[in-house]
PDB file of N, CA and C in Angstrom:
ATOM      1  N   MET A   1     109.092  88.087 127.891  1.00  0.00           N
ATOM      2  CA  MET A   1     109.519  88.382 126.539  1.00  0.00           C
ATOM      3  C   MET A   1     110.053  89.823 126.458  1.00  0.00           C
ATOM      4  N   GLN A   2     109.331  90.777 127.076  1.00  0.00           N
ATOM      5  CA  GLN A   2     109.773  92.171 127.054  1.00  0.00           C
ATOM      6  C   GLN A   2     111.144  92.317 127.719  1.00  0.00           C
ATOM      7  N   ARG A   3     111.348  91.574 128.787  1.00  0.00           N
ATOM      8  CA  ARG A   3     112.620  91.634 129.517  1.00  0.00           C
ATOM      9  C   ARG A   3     113.768  91.145 128.632  1.00  0.00           C
ATOM     10  N   ARG A   4     113.542  90.071 127.883  1.00  0.00           N
ATOM     11  CA  ARG A   4     114.581  89.531 127.003  1.00  0.00           C
ATOM     12  C   ARG A   4     114.925  90.528 125.896  1.00  0.00           C
ATOM     13  N   ILE A   5     113.907  91.198 125.357  1.00  0.00           N
ATOM     14  CA  ILE A   5     114.136  92.205 124.308  1.00  0.00           C
ATOM     15  C   ILE A   5     114.945  93.367 124.879  1.00  0.00           C
ATOM     16  N   ALA A   6     114.554  93.828 126.055  1.00  0.00           N
ATOM     17  CA  ALA A   6     115.269  94.937 126.687  1.00  0.00           C
ATOM     18  C   ALA A   6     116.714  94.564 126.994  1.00  0.00           C
ATOM     19  N   ASP A   7     116.942  93.359 127.491  1.00  0.00           N
ATOM     20  CA  ASP A   7     118.309  92.906 127.790  1.00  0.00           C
ATOM     21  C   ASP A   7     119.152  92.833 126.517  1.00  0.00           C
ATOM     22  N   SER A   8     118.563  92.312 125.449  1.00  0.00           N
ATOM     23  CA  SER A   8     119.280  92.215 124.183  1.00  0.00           C
ATOM     24  C   SER A   8     119.631  93.599 123.643  1.00  0.00           C
ATOM     25  N   ALA A   9     118.691  94.534 123.713  1.00  0.00           N
ATOM     26  CA  ALA A   9     118.943  95.897 123.243  1.00  0.00           C
ATOM     27  C   ALA A   9     120.045  96.548 124.076  1.00  0.00           C
ATOM     28  N   TYR A  10     120.028  96.306 125.374  1.00  0.00           N
ATOM     29  CA  TYR A  10     121.050  96.880 126.252  1.00  0.00           C
ATOM     30  C   TYR A  10     122.435  96.333 125.902  1.00  0.00           C
ATOM     31  N   ARG A  11     122.531  95.007 125.716  1.00  0.00           N
ATOM     32  CA  ARG A  11     123.820  94.392 125.368  1.00  0.00           C
ATOM     33  C   ARG A  11     124.331  94.915 124.022  1.00  0.00           C
ATOM     34  N   THR A  12     123.442  95.048 123.055  1.00  0.00           N
ATOM     35  CA  THR A  12     123.831  95.560 121.748  1.00  0.00           C
ATOM     36  C   THR A  12     124.342  96.993 121.857  1.00  0.00           C
ATOM     37  N   GLN A  13     123.643  97.828 122.601  1.00  0.00           N
ATOM     38  CA  GLN A  13     124.075  99.215 122.767  1.00  0.00           C
ATOM     39  C   GLN A  13     125.422  99.288 123.478  1.00  0.00           C
ATOM     40  N   GLN A  14     125.647  98.409 124.449  1.00  0.00           N
ATOM     41  CA  GLN A  14     126.929  98.373 125.151  1.00  0.00           C
ATOM     42  C   GLN A  14     128.062  98.019 124.181  1.00  0.00           C
ATOM     43  N   ARG A  15     127.819  97.054 123.293  1.00  0.00           N
ATOM     44  CA  ARG A  15     128.842  96.678 122.304  1.00  0.00           C
ATOM     45  C   ARG A  15     129.118  97.822 121.335  1.00  0.00           C
ATOM     46  N   ILE A  16     128.067  98.534 120.913  1.00  0.00           N
ATOM     47  CA  ILE A  16     128.243  99.663 119.992  1.00  0.00           C
ATOM     48  C   ILE A  16     129.061 100.756 120.663  1.00  0.00           C
ATOM     49  N   GLU A  17     128.700 101.094 121.884  1.00  0.00           N
ATOM     50  CA  GLU A  17     129.423 102.152 122.595  1.00  0.00           C
ATOM     51  C   GLU A  17     130.845 101.734 122.938  1.00  0.00           C
ATOM     52  N   GLY A  18     131.068 100.444 123.150  1.00  0.00           N
ATOM     53  CA  GLY A  18     132.407  99.957 123.445  1.00  0.00           C
ATOM     54  C   GLY A  18     133.289  99.826 122.224  1.00  0.00           C
ATOM     55  N   GLY A  19     132.695  99.882 121.033  1.00  0.00           N
ATOM     56  CA  GLY A  19     133.476  99.812 119.809  1.00  0.00           C
ATOM     57  C   GLY A  19     133.598  98.412 119.237  1.00  0.00           C
ATOM     58  N   SER A  20     133.070  97.399 119.910  1.00  0.00           N
ATOM     59  CA  SER A  20     133.191  96.046 119.380  1.00  0.00           C
ATOM     60  C   SER A  20     132.113  95.734 118.338  1.00  0.00           C
ATOM     61  N   ALA A  21     131.129  96.587 118.226  1.00  0.00           N
ATOM     62  CA  ALA A  21     130.086  96.421 117.210  1.00  0.00           C
ATOM     63  C   ALA A  21     129.733  97.801 116.689  1.00  0.00           C
ATOM     64  N   ARG A  22     129.149  97.845 115.504  1.00  0.00           N
ATOM     65  CA  ARG A  22     128.695  99.131 114.990  1.00  0.00           C
ATOM     66  C   ARG A  22     127.308  98.974 114.383  1.00  0.00           C
ATOM     67  N   ARG A  23     126.650 100.091 114.256  1.00  0.00           N
ATOM     68  CA  ARG A  23     125.291 100.068 113.714  1.00  0.00           C
ATOM     69  C   ARG A  23     125.358  99.795 112.227  1.00  0.00           C
ATOM     70  N   ARG A  24     124.409  99.040 111.759  1.00  0.00           N
ATOM     71  CA  ARG A  24     124.368  98.733 110.332  1.00  0.00           C
ATOM     72  C   ARG A  24     124.015  99.976 109.541  1.00  0.00           C
ATOM     73  N   GLY A  25     124.673 100.127 108.412  1.00  0.00           N
ATOM     74  CA  GLY A  25     124.360 101.226 107.513  1.00  0.00           C
ATOM     75  C   GLY A  25     124.961 102.548 107.916  1.00  0.00           C
ATOM     76  N   ARG A  26     125.830 102.549 108.911  1.00  0.00           N
ATOM     77  CA  ARG A  26     126.443 103.798 109.350  1.00  0.00           C
ATOM     78  C   ARG A  26     127.962 103.685 109.258  1.00  0.00           C
ATOM     79  N   GLU A  27     128.544 104.712 108.736  1.00  0.00           N
ATOM     80  CA  GLU A  27     129.993 104.757 108.663  1.00  0.00           C
ATOM     81  C   GLU A  27     130.531 105.307 109.976  1.00  0.00           C
ATOM     82  N   PRO A  28     131.633 104.782 110.438  1.00  0.00           N
ATOM     83  CA  PRO A  28     132.201 105.347 111.667  1.00  0.00           C
ATOM     84  C   PRO A  28     132.683 106.778 111.434  1.00  0.00           C
ATOM     85  N   VAL A  29     132.460 107.632 112.414  1.00  0.00           N
ATOM     86  CA  VAL A  29     132.880 109.024 112.322  1.00  0.00           C
ATOM     87  C   VAL A  29     134.245 109.143 112.966  1.00  0.00           C
ATOM     88  N   PRO A  30     135.241 109.691 112.230  1.00  0.00           N
ATOM     89  CA  PRO A  30     136.575 109.834 112.820  1.00  0.00           C
ATOM     90  C   PRO A  30     136.526 110.704 114.076  1.00  0.00           C
ATOM     91  N   ASP A  31     137.358 110.367 115.036  1.00  0.00           N
ATOM     92  CA  ASP A  31     137.395 111.130 116.284  1.00  0.00           C
ATOM     93  C   ASP A  31     137.728 112.592 116.007  1.00  0.00           C
ATOM     94  N   GLY A  32     137.052 113.466 116.726  1.00  0.00           N
ATOM     95  CA  GLY A  32     137.314 114.887 116.599  1.00  0.00           C
ATOM     96  C   GLY A  32     136.510 115.576 115.519  1.00  0.00           C
ATOM     97  N   ARG A  33     135.927 114.830 114.617  1.00  0.00           N
ATOM     98  CA  ARG A  33     135.137 115.441 113.542  1.00  0.00           C
ATOM     99  C   ARG A  33     133.709 115.663 114.024  1.00  0.00           C
ATOM    100  N   VAL A  34     133.212 116.827 113.815  1.00  0.00           N
ATOM    101  CA  VAL A  34     131.852 117.148 114.238  1.00  0.00           C
ATOM    102  C   VAL A  34     131.050 117.500 112.995  1.00  0.00           C
ATOM    103  N   ASP A  35     129.948 116.812 112.804  1.00  0.00           N
ATOM    104  CA  ASP A  35     129.056 117.146 111.701  1.00  0.00           C
ATOM    105  C   ASP A  35     128.223 118.343 112.113  1.00  0.00           C
ATOM    106  N   THR A  36     128.159 119.340 111.263  1.00  0.00           N
ATOM    107  CA  THR A  36     127.352 120.515 111.568  1.00  0.00           C
ATOM    108  C   THR A  36     126.168 120.566 110.628  1.00  0.00           C
ATOM    109  N   VAL A  37     125.100 121.088 111.128  1.00  0.00           N
ATOM    110  CA  VAL A  37     123.893 121.246 110.332  1.00  0.00           C
ATOM    111  C   VAL A  37     123.676 122.739 110.129  1.00  0.00           C
ATOM    112  N   GLU A  38     123.559 123.133 108.892  1.00  0.00           N
ATOM    113  CA  GLU A  38     123.337 124.543 108.602  1.00  0.00           C
ATOM    114  C   GLU A  38     121.873 124.871 108.859  1.00  0.00           C
ATOM    115  N   ILE A  39     121.637 125.882 109.661  1.00  0.00           N
ATOM    116  CA  ILE A  39     120.276 126.295 109.987  1.00  0.00           C
ATOM    117  C   ILE A  39     119.897 127.436 109.066  1.00  0.00           C
ATOM    118  N   VAL A  40     118.787 127.269 108.385  1.00  0.00           N
ATOM    119  CA  VAL A  40     118.310 128.291 107.465  1.00  0.00           C
ATOM    120  C   VAL A  40     117.354 129.202 108.224  1.00  0.00           C
ATOM    121  N   LYS A  41     117.621 130.487 108.186  1.00  0.00           N
ATOM    122  CA  LYS A  41     116.752 131.452 108.851  1.00  0.00           C
ATOM    123  C   LYS A  41     115.917 132.158 107.796  1.00  0.00           C
ATOM    124  N   ILE A  42     114.631 132.204 108.040  1.00  0.00           N
ATOM    125  CA  ILE A  42     113.686 132.795 107.107  1.00  0.00           C
ATOM    126  C   ILE A  42     113.272 134.164 107.650  1.00  0.00           C
ATOM    127  N   GLY A  43     113.330 135.170 106.802  1.00  0.00           N
ATOM    128  CA  GLY A  43     112.951 136.515 107.205  1.00  0.00           C
ATOM    129  C   GLY A  43     111.441 136.710 107.185  1.00  0.00           C
ATOM    130  N   PRO A  44     110.965 137.787 107.783  1.00  0.00           N
ATOM    131  CA  PRO A  44     109.526 138.068 107.837  1.00  0.00           C
ATOM    132  C   PRO A  44     108.883 138.166 106.454  1.00  0.00           C
ATOM    133  N   LYS A  45     109.612 138.696 105.489  1.00  0.00           N
ATOM    134  CA  LYS A  45     109.073 138.824 104.128  1.00  0.00           C
ATOM    135  C   LYS A  45     108.748 137.451 103.547  1.00  0.00           C
ATOM    136  N   HIS A  46     109.656 136.506 103.723  1.00  0.00           N
ATOM    137  CA  HIS A  46     109.434 135.158 103.213  1.00  0.00           C
ATOM    138  C   HIS A  46     108.364 134.422 104.017  1.00  0.00           C
ATOM    139  N   GLN A  47     108.287 134.703 105.302  1.00  0.00           N
ATOM    140  CA  GLN A  47     107.242 134.086 106.124  1.00  0.00           C
ATOM    141  C   GLN A  47     105.868 134.522 105.637  1.00  0.00           C
ATOM    142  N   ASP A  48     105.702 135.812 105.359  1.00  0.00           N
ATOM    143  CA  ASP A  48     104.419 136.322 104.882  1.00  0.00           C
ATOM    144  C   ASP A  48     104.039 135.686 103.540  1.00  0.00           C
ATOM    145  N   ALA A  49     105.023 135.551 102.658  1.00  0.00           N
ATOM    146  CA  ALA A  49     104.756 134.919 101.357  1.00  0.00           C
ATOM    147  C   ALA A  49     104.359 133.460 101.536  1.00  0.00           C
ATOM    148  N   GLN A  50     105.012 132.769 102.458  1.00  0.00           N
ATOM    149  CA  GLN A  50     104.696 131.367 102.703  1.00  0.00           C
ATOM    150  C   GLN A  50     103.282 131.216 103.275  1.00  0.00           C
ATOM    151  N   VAL A  51     102.914 132.084 104.205  1.00  0.00           N
ATOM    152  CA  VAL A  51     101.571 132.047 104.805  1.00  0.00           C
ATOM    153  C   VAL A  51     100.514 132.311 103.742  1.00  0.00           C
ATOM    154  N   ALA A  52     100.755 133.301 102.876  1.00  0.00           N
ATOM    155  CA  ALA A  52      99.793 133.613 101.814  1.00  0.00           C
ATOM    156  C   ALA A  52      99.637 132.426 100.861  1.00  0.00           C
ATOM    157  N   GLY A  53     100.752 131.807 100.499  1.00  0.00           N
ATOM    158  CA  GLY A  53     100.681 130.637  99.624  1.00  0.00           C
ATOM    159  C   GLY A  53      99.952 129.479 100.267  1.00  0.00           C
ATOM    160  N   LEU A  54     100.176 129.289 101.553  1.00  0.00           N
ATOM    161  CA  LEU A  54      99.490 128.216 102.270  1.00  0.00           C
ATOM    162  C   LEU A  54      97.991 128.479 102.345  1.00  0.00           C
ATOM    163  N   ARG A  55      97.605 129.725 102.547  1.00  0.00           N
ATOM    164  CA  ARG A  55      96.164 130.064 102.580  1.00  0.00           C
ATOM    165  C   ARG A  55      95.509 129.775 101.226  1.00  0.00           C
ATOM    166  N   ARG A  56      96.209 130.122 100.136  1.00  0.00           N
ATOM    167  CA  ARG A  56      95.665 129.827  98.798  1.00  0.00           C
ATOM    168  C   ARG A  56      95.513 128.317  98.601  1.00  0.00           C
ATOM    169  N   LEU A  57      96.530 127.572  99.045  1.00  0.00           N
ATOM    170  CA  LEU A  57      96.499 126.121  98.914  1.00  0.00           C
ATOM    171  C   LEU A  57      95.345 125.523  99.715  1.00  0.00           C
ATOM    172  N   ARG A  58      95.151 125.987 100.957  1.00  0.00           N
ATOM    173  CA  ARG A  58      94.070 125.486 101.795  1.00  0.00           C
ATOM    174  C   ARG A  58      92.714 125.802 101.175  1.00  0.00           C
ATOM    175  N   ALA A  59      92.586 126.986 100.568  1.00  0.00           N
ATOM    176  CA  ALA A  59      91.322 127.363  99.938  1.00  0.00           C
ATOM    177  C   ALA A  59      91.009 126.435  98.768  1.00  0.00           C
ATOM    178  N   SER A  60      92.034 126.067  97.983  1.00  0.00           N
ATOM    179  CA  SER A  60      91.791 125.165  96.853  1.00  0.00           C
ATOM    180  C   SER A  60      91.458 123.761  97.344  1.00  0.00           C
ATOM    181  N   ALA A  61      92.047 123.347  98.456  1.00  0.00           N
ATOM    182  CA  ALA A  61      91.720 122.024  98.999  1.00  0.00           C
ATOM    183  C   ALA A  61      90.296 122.006  99.532  1.00  0.00           C
ATOM    184  N   THR A  62      89.869 123.105 100.157  1.00  0.00           N
ATOM    185  CA  THR A  62      88.501 123.189 100.662  1.00  0.00           C
ATOM    186  C   THR A  62      87.520 123.162  99.503  1.00  0.00           C
ATOM    187  N   ALA A  63      87.881 123.817  98.401  1.00  0.00           N
ATOM    188  CA  ALA A  63      87.022 123.820  97.219  1.00  0.00           C
ATOM    189  C   ALA A  63      86.859 122.410  96.662  1.00  0.00           C
ATOM    190  N   CYS A  64      87.867 121.580  96.827  1.00  0.00           N
ATOM    191  CA  CYS A  64      87.797 120.200  96.345  1.00  0.00           C
ATOM    192  C   CYS A  64      86.657 119.450  97.017  1.00  0.00           C
ATOM    193  N   TRP A  65      86.446 119.715  98.310  1.00  0.00           N
ATOM    194  CA  TRP A  65      85.375 119.004  99.025  1.00  0.00           C
ATOM    195  C   TRP A  65      83.999 119.482  98.580  1.00  0.00           C
ATOM    196  N   SER A  66      83.878 120.757  98.222  1.00  0.00           N
ATOM    197  CA  SER A  66      82.563 121.269  97.859  1.00  0.00           C
ATOM    198  C   SER A  66      82.214 121.001  96.402  1.00  0.00           C
ATOM    199  N   SER A  67      83.209 120.840  95.550  1.00  0.00           N
ATOM    200  CA  SER A  67      82.924 120.510  94.155  1.00  0.00           C
ATOM    201  C   SER A  67      83.822 119.358  93.752  1.00  0.00           C
ATOM    202  N   GLY A  68      83.249 118.234  93.509  1.00  0.00           N
ATOM    203  CA  GLY A  68      84.082 117.099  93.122  1.00  0.00           C
ATOM    204  C   GLY A  68      83.464 115.793  93.535  1.00  0.00           C
ATOM    205  N   ALA A  69      84.314 114.856  93.857  1.00  0.00           N
ATOM    206  CA  ALA A  69      83.889 113.479  94.068  1.00  0.00           C
ATOM    207  C   ALA A  69      83.062 113.277  95.323  1.00  0.00           C
ATOM    208  N   TRP A  70      83.076 114.212  96.260  1.00  0.00           N
ATOM    209  CA  TRP A  70      82.355 113.997  97.522  1.00  0.00           C
ATOM    210  C   TRP A  70      80.991 114.663  97.519  1.00  0.00           C
ATOM    211  N   THR A  71      80.532 115.135  96.380  1.00  0.00           N
ATOM    212  CA  THR A  71      79.233 115.788  96.332  1.00  0.00           C
ATOM    213  C   THR A  71      78.310 115.021  95.397  1.00  0.00           C
ATOM    214  N   GLY A  72      77.041 115.279  95.526  1.00  0.00           N
ATOM    215  CA  GLY A  72      76.046 114.700  94.623  1.00  0.00           C
ATOM    216  C   GLY A  72      76.040 113.190  94.612  1.00  0.00           C
ATOM    217  N   SER A  73      75.815 112.626  93.447  1.00  0.00           N
ATOM    218  CA  SER A  73      75.688 111.176  93.328  1.00  0.00           C
ATOM    219  C   SER A  73      77.027 110.465  93.465  1.00  0.00           C
ATOM    220  N   LYS A  74      78.144 111.205  93.335  1.00  0.00           N
ATOM    221  CA  LYS A  74      79.459 110.567  93.440  1.00  0.00           C
ATOM    222  C   LYS A  74      79.890 110.354  94.886  1.00  0.00           C
ATOM    223  N   ARG A  75      79.197 110.964  95.858  1.00  0.00           N
ATOM    224  CA  ARG A  75      79.608 110.867  97.251  1.00  0.00           C
ATOM    225  C   ARG A  75      79.449 109.423  97.724  1.00  0.00           C
ATOM    226  N   PRO A  76      80.521 108.799  98.210  1.00  0.00           N
ATOM    227  CA  PRO A  76      80.413 107.419  98.694  1.00  0.00           C
ATOM    228  C   PRO A  76      79.472 107.346  99.885  1.00  0.00           C
ATOM    229  N   ARG A  77      78.536 106.423  99.822  1.00  0.00           N
ATOM    230  CA  ARG A  77      77.571 106.299 100.908  1.00  0.00           C
ATOM    231  C   ARG A  77      77.636 104.956 101.605  1.00  0.00           C
ATOM    232  N   ALA A  78      78.349 104.018 101.066  1.00  0.00           N
ATOM    233  CA  ALA A  78      78.380 102.690 101.665  1.00  0.00           C
ATOM    234  C   ALA A  78      79.773 102.099 101.534  1.00  0.00           C
ATOM    235  N   ALA A  79      80.015 101.085 102.320  1.00  0.00           N
ATOM    236  CA  ALA A  79      81.329 100.445 102.324  1.00  0.00           C
ATOM    237  C   ALA A  79      81.628  99.758 101.001  1.00  0.00           C
ATOM    238  N   ARG A  80      80.593  99.482 100.209  1.00  0.00           N
ATOM    239  CA  ARG A  80      80.807  98.760  98.956  1.00  0.00           C
ATOM    240  C   ARG A  80      81.358  99.653  97.847  1.00  0.00           C
ATOM    241  N   GLU A  81      81.243 100.947  98.010  1.00  0.00           N
ATOM    242  CA  GLU A  81      81.670 101.860  96.957  1.00  0.00           C
ATOM    243  C   GLU A  81      83.179 102.095  97.014  1.00  0.00           C
ATOM    244  N   ASN A  82      83.766 102.296  95.862  1.00  0.00           N
ATOM    245  CA  ASN A  82      85.209 102.500  95.758  1.00  0.00           C
ATOM    246  C   ASN A  82      85.566 103.914  96.217  1.00  0.00           C
ATOM    247  N   LEU A  83      86.388 103.994  97.240  1.00  0.00           N
ATOM    248  CA  LEU A  83      86.789 105.287  97.790  1.00  0.00           C
ATOM    249  C   LEU A  83      88.119 105.778  97.231  1.00  0.00           C
ATOM    250  N   MET A  84      88.813 104.947  96.488  1.00  0.00           N
ATOM    251  CA  MET A  84      90.148 105.305  96.022  1.00  0.00           C
ATOM    252  C   MET A  84      90.142 106.562  95.149  1.00  0.00           C
ATOM    253  N   PHE A  85      89.224 106.639  94.210  1.00  0.00           N
ATOM    254  CA  PHE A  85      89.221 107.769  93.282  1.00  0.00           C
ATOM    255  C   PHE A  85      88.849 109.082  93.963  1.00  0.00           C
ATOM    256  N   PRO A  86      87.796 109.120  94.803  1.00  0.00           N
ATOM    257  CA  PRO A  86      87.526 110.383  95.493  1.00  0.00           C
ATOM    258  C   PRO A  86      88.666 110.797  96.425  1.00  0.00           C
ATOM    259  N   LEU A  87      89.291 109.838  97.088  1.00  0.00           N
ATOM    260  CA  LEU A  87      90.402 110.175  97.977  1.00  0.00           C
ATOM    261  C   LEU A  87      91.610 110.662  97.187  1.00  0.00           C
ATOM    262  N   LYS A  88      91.877 110.026  96.043  1.00  0.00           N
ATOM    263  CA  LYS A  88      92.990 110.472  95.198  1.00  0.00           C
ATOM    264  C   LYS A  88      92.776 111.902  94.732  1.00  0.00           C
ATOM    265  N   GLU A  89      91.554 112.208  94.344  1.00  0.00           N
ATOM    266  CA  GLU A  89      91.233 113.555  93.887  1.00  0.00           C
ATOM    267  C   GLU A  89      91.417 114.568  95.016  1.00  0.00           C
ATOM    268  N   ALA A  90      90.959 114.212  96.200  1.00  0.00           N
ATOM    269  CA  ALA A  90      91.088 115.113  97.348  1.00  0.00           C
ATOM    270  C   ALA A  90      92.556 115.325  97.711  1.00  0.00           C
ATOM    271  N   LEU A  91      93.326 114.248  97.740  1.00  0.00           N
ATOM    272  CA  LEU A  91      94.743 114.372  98.091  1.00  0.00           C
ATOM    273  C   LEU A  91      95.518 115.134  97.025  1.00  0.00           C
ATOM    274  N   ALA A  92      95.136 114.991  95.773  1.00  0.00           N
ATOM    275  CA  ALA A  92      95.794 115.743  94.702  1.00  0.00           C
ATOM    276  C   ALA A  92      95.529 117.236  94.855  1.00  0.00           C
ATOM    277  N   ALA A  93      94.386 117.589  95.479  1.00  0.00           N
ATOM    278  CA  ALA A  93      94.060 118.995  95.729  1.00  0.00           C
ATOM    279  C   ALA A  93      94.598 119.449  97.080  1.00  0.00           C
ATOM    280  N   TYR A  94      95.503 118.632  97.673  1.00  0.00           N
ATOM    281  CA  TYR A  94      96.180 118.953  98.925  1.00  0.00           C
ATOM    282  C   TYR A  94      95.255 118.956 100.137  1.00  0.00           C
ATOM    283  N   ALA A  95      94.222 118.120 100.110  1.00  0.00           N
ATOM    284  CA  ALA A  95      93.428 117.933 101.322  1.00  0.00           C
ATOM    285  C   ALA A  95      94.314 117.205 102.333  1.00  0.00           C
ATOM    286  N   THR A  96      94.111 117.483 103.601  1.00  0.00           N
ATOM    287  CA  THR A  96      94.934 116.842 104.618  1.00  0.00           C
ATOM    288  C   THR A  96      94.383 115.455 104.943  1.00  0.00           C
ATOM    289  N   ILE A  97      95.215 114.649 105.581  1.00  0.00           N
ATOM    290  CA  ILE A  97      94.771 113.323 106.005  1.00  0.00           C
ATOM    291  C   ILE A  97      93.615 113.464 106.996  1.00  0.00           C
ATOM    292  N   GLY A  98      93.693 114.462 107.865  1.00  0.00           N
ATOM    293  CA  GLY A  98      92.612 114.701 108.833  1.00  0.00           C
ATOM    294  C   GLY A  98      91.297 114.994 108.145  1.00  0.00           C
ATOM    295  N   GLU A  99      91.333 115.805 107.083  1.00  0.00           N
ATOM    296  CA  GLU A  99      90.108 116.102 106.340  1.00  0.00           C
ATOM    297  C   GLU A  99      89.556 114.846 105.679  1.00  0.00           C
ATOM    298  N   CYS A 100      90.437 114.037 105.116  1.00  0.00           N
ATOM    299  CA  CYS A 100      89.998 112.779 104.502  1.00  0.00           C
ATOM    300  C   CYS A 100      89.374 111.870 105.551  1.00  0.00           C
ATOM    301  N   CYS A 101      90.006 111.782 106.707  1.00  0.00           N
ATOM    302  CA  CYS A 101      89.468 110.935 107.781  1.00  0.00           C
ATOM    303  C   CYS A 101      88.108 111.434 108.240  1.00  0.00           C
ATOM    304  N   ASP A 102      87.932 112.757 108.318  1.00  0.00           N
ATOM    305  CA  ASP A 102      86.627 113.309 108.698  1.00  0.00           C
ATOM    306  C   ASP A 102      85.558 112.889 107.707  1.00  0.00           C
ATOM    307  N   ARG A 103      85.888 112.935 106.411  1.00  0.00           N
ATOM    308  CA  ARG A 103      84.921 112.522 105.385  1.00  0.00           C
ATOM    309  C   ARG A 103      84.606 111.029 105.514  1.00  0.00           C
ATOM    310  N   LEU A 104      85.621 110.228 105.773  1.00  0.00           N
ATOM    311  CA  LEU A 104      85.400 108.789 105.917  1.00  0.00           C
ATOM    312  C   LEU A 104      84.548 108.486 107.152  1.00  0.00           C
ATOM    313  N   ARG A 105      84.768 109.263 108.225  1.00  0.00           N
ATOM    314  CA  ARG A 105      83.918 109.080 109.414  1.00  0.00           C
ATOM    315  C   ARG A 105      82.462 109.397 109.079  1.00  0.00           C
ATOM    316  N   GLY A 106      82.249 110.371 108.193  1.00  0.00           N
ATOM    317  CA  GLY A 106      80.886 110.700 107.778  1.00  0.00           C
ATOM    318  C   GLY A 106      80.226 109.565 107.015  1.00  0.00           C
ATOM    319  N   VAL A 107      81.010 108.764 106.304  1.00  0.00           N
ATOM    320  CA  VAL A 107      80.477 107.641 105.542  1.00  0.00           C
ATOM    321  C   VAL A 107      80.326 106.405 106.425  1.00  0.00           C
ATOM    322  N   PHE A 108      81.362 106.083 107.197  1.00  0.00           N
ATOM    323  CA  PHE A 108      81.392 104.833 107.942  1.00  0.00           C
ATOM    324  C   PHE A 108      81.082 104.973 109.422  1.00  0.00           C
ATOM    325  N   GLY A 109      81.170 106.182 109.961  1.00  0.00           N
ATOM    326  CA  GLY A 109      81.044 106.355 111.395  1.00  0.00           C
ATOM    327  C   GLY A 109      82.407 106.134 112.057  1.00  0.00           C
ATOM    328  N   GLU A 110      82.420 106.202 113.369  1.00  0.00           N
ATOM    329  CA  GLU A 110      83.666 106.031 114.116  1.00  0.00           C
ATOM    330  C   GLU A 110      83.598 104.760 114.924  1.00  0.00           C
ATOM    331  N   TYR A 111      84.697 104.012 114.929  1.00  0.00           N
ATOM    332  CA  TYR A 111      84.753 102.754 115.649  1.00  0.00           C
ATOM    333  C   TYR A 111      84.674 103.002 117.153  1.00  0.00           C
ATOM    334  N   GLN A 112      83.805 102.265 117.808  1.00  0.00           N
ATOM    335  CA  GLN A 112      83.706 102.283 119.259  1.00  0.00           C
ATOM    336  C   GLN A 112      83.956 100.872 119.752  1.00  0.00           C
ATOM    337  N   PRO A 113      84.999 100.668 120.540  1.00  0.00           N
ATOM    338  CA  PRO A 113      85.260  99.320 121.022  1.00  0.00           C
ATOM    339  C   PRO A 113      84.128  98.832 121.904  1.00  0.00           C
ATOM    340  N   PRO A 114      83.856  97.527 121.889  1.00  0.00           N
ATOM    341  CA  PRO A 114      82.765  97.004 122.710  1.00  0.00           C
ATOM    342  C   PRO A 114      83.091  97.146 124.192  1.00  0.00           C
ATOM    343  N   ASP A 115      82.065  97.329 124.979  1.00  0.00           N
ATOM    344  CA  ASP A 115      82.225  97.439 126.429  1.00  0.00           C
ATOM    345  C   ASP A 115      82.481  96.054 126.990  1.00  0.00           C
ATOM    346  N   ILE A 116      83.642  95.877 127.610  1.00  0.00           N
ATOM    347  CA  ILE A 116      84.053  94.547 128.094  1.00  0.00           C
ATOM    348  C   ILE A 116      83.578  94.286 129.515  1.00  0.00           C
ATOM    349  N   SER A 117      83.298  95.329 130.260  1.00  0.00           N
ATOM    350  CA  SER A 117      82.938  95.133 131.672  1.00  0.00           C
ATOM    351  C   SER A 117      81.628  94.476 131.891  1.00  0.00           C
TER     352      SER A 117
END
């Protein structure tokens, strides 16, 4: 099955490169025209401002975990409890997916595949 998929992809790419087929959703680019991408360069002043803003944002996201839906009686302790609202609150406070996953691992544990040998 993998071989048939690879052969089909190869034939399709050959037709595209040969001009007898084109990719869906793409307009042909006239010969000689080169699309350029403008690169934005950020100065040290703007970098420092961005880092400071990111630190403030991270601090507010960390505060979300210490005060909010994951503390006290609202902390989900079992699979039966609704996790949507605490997760929505955390994500609205810019918690990362990794932080959310860490909290979920604390509630559910981490999956370990069974030993097959």
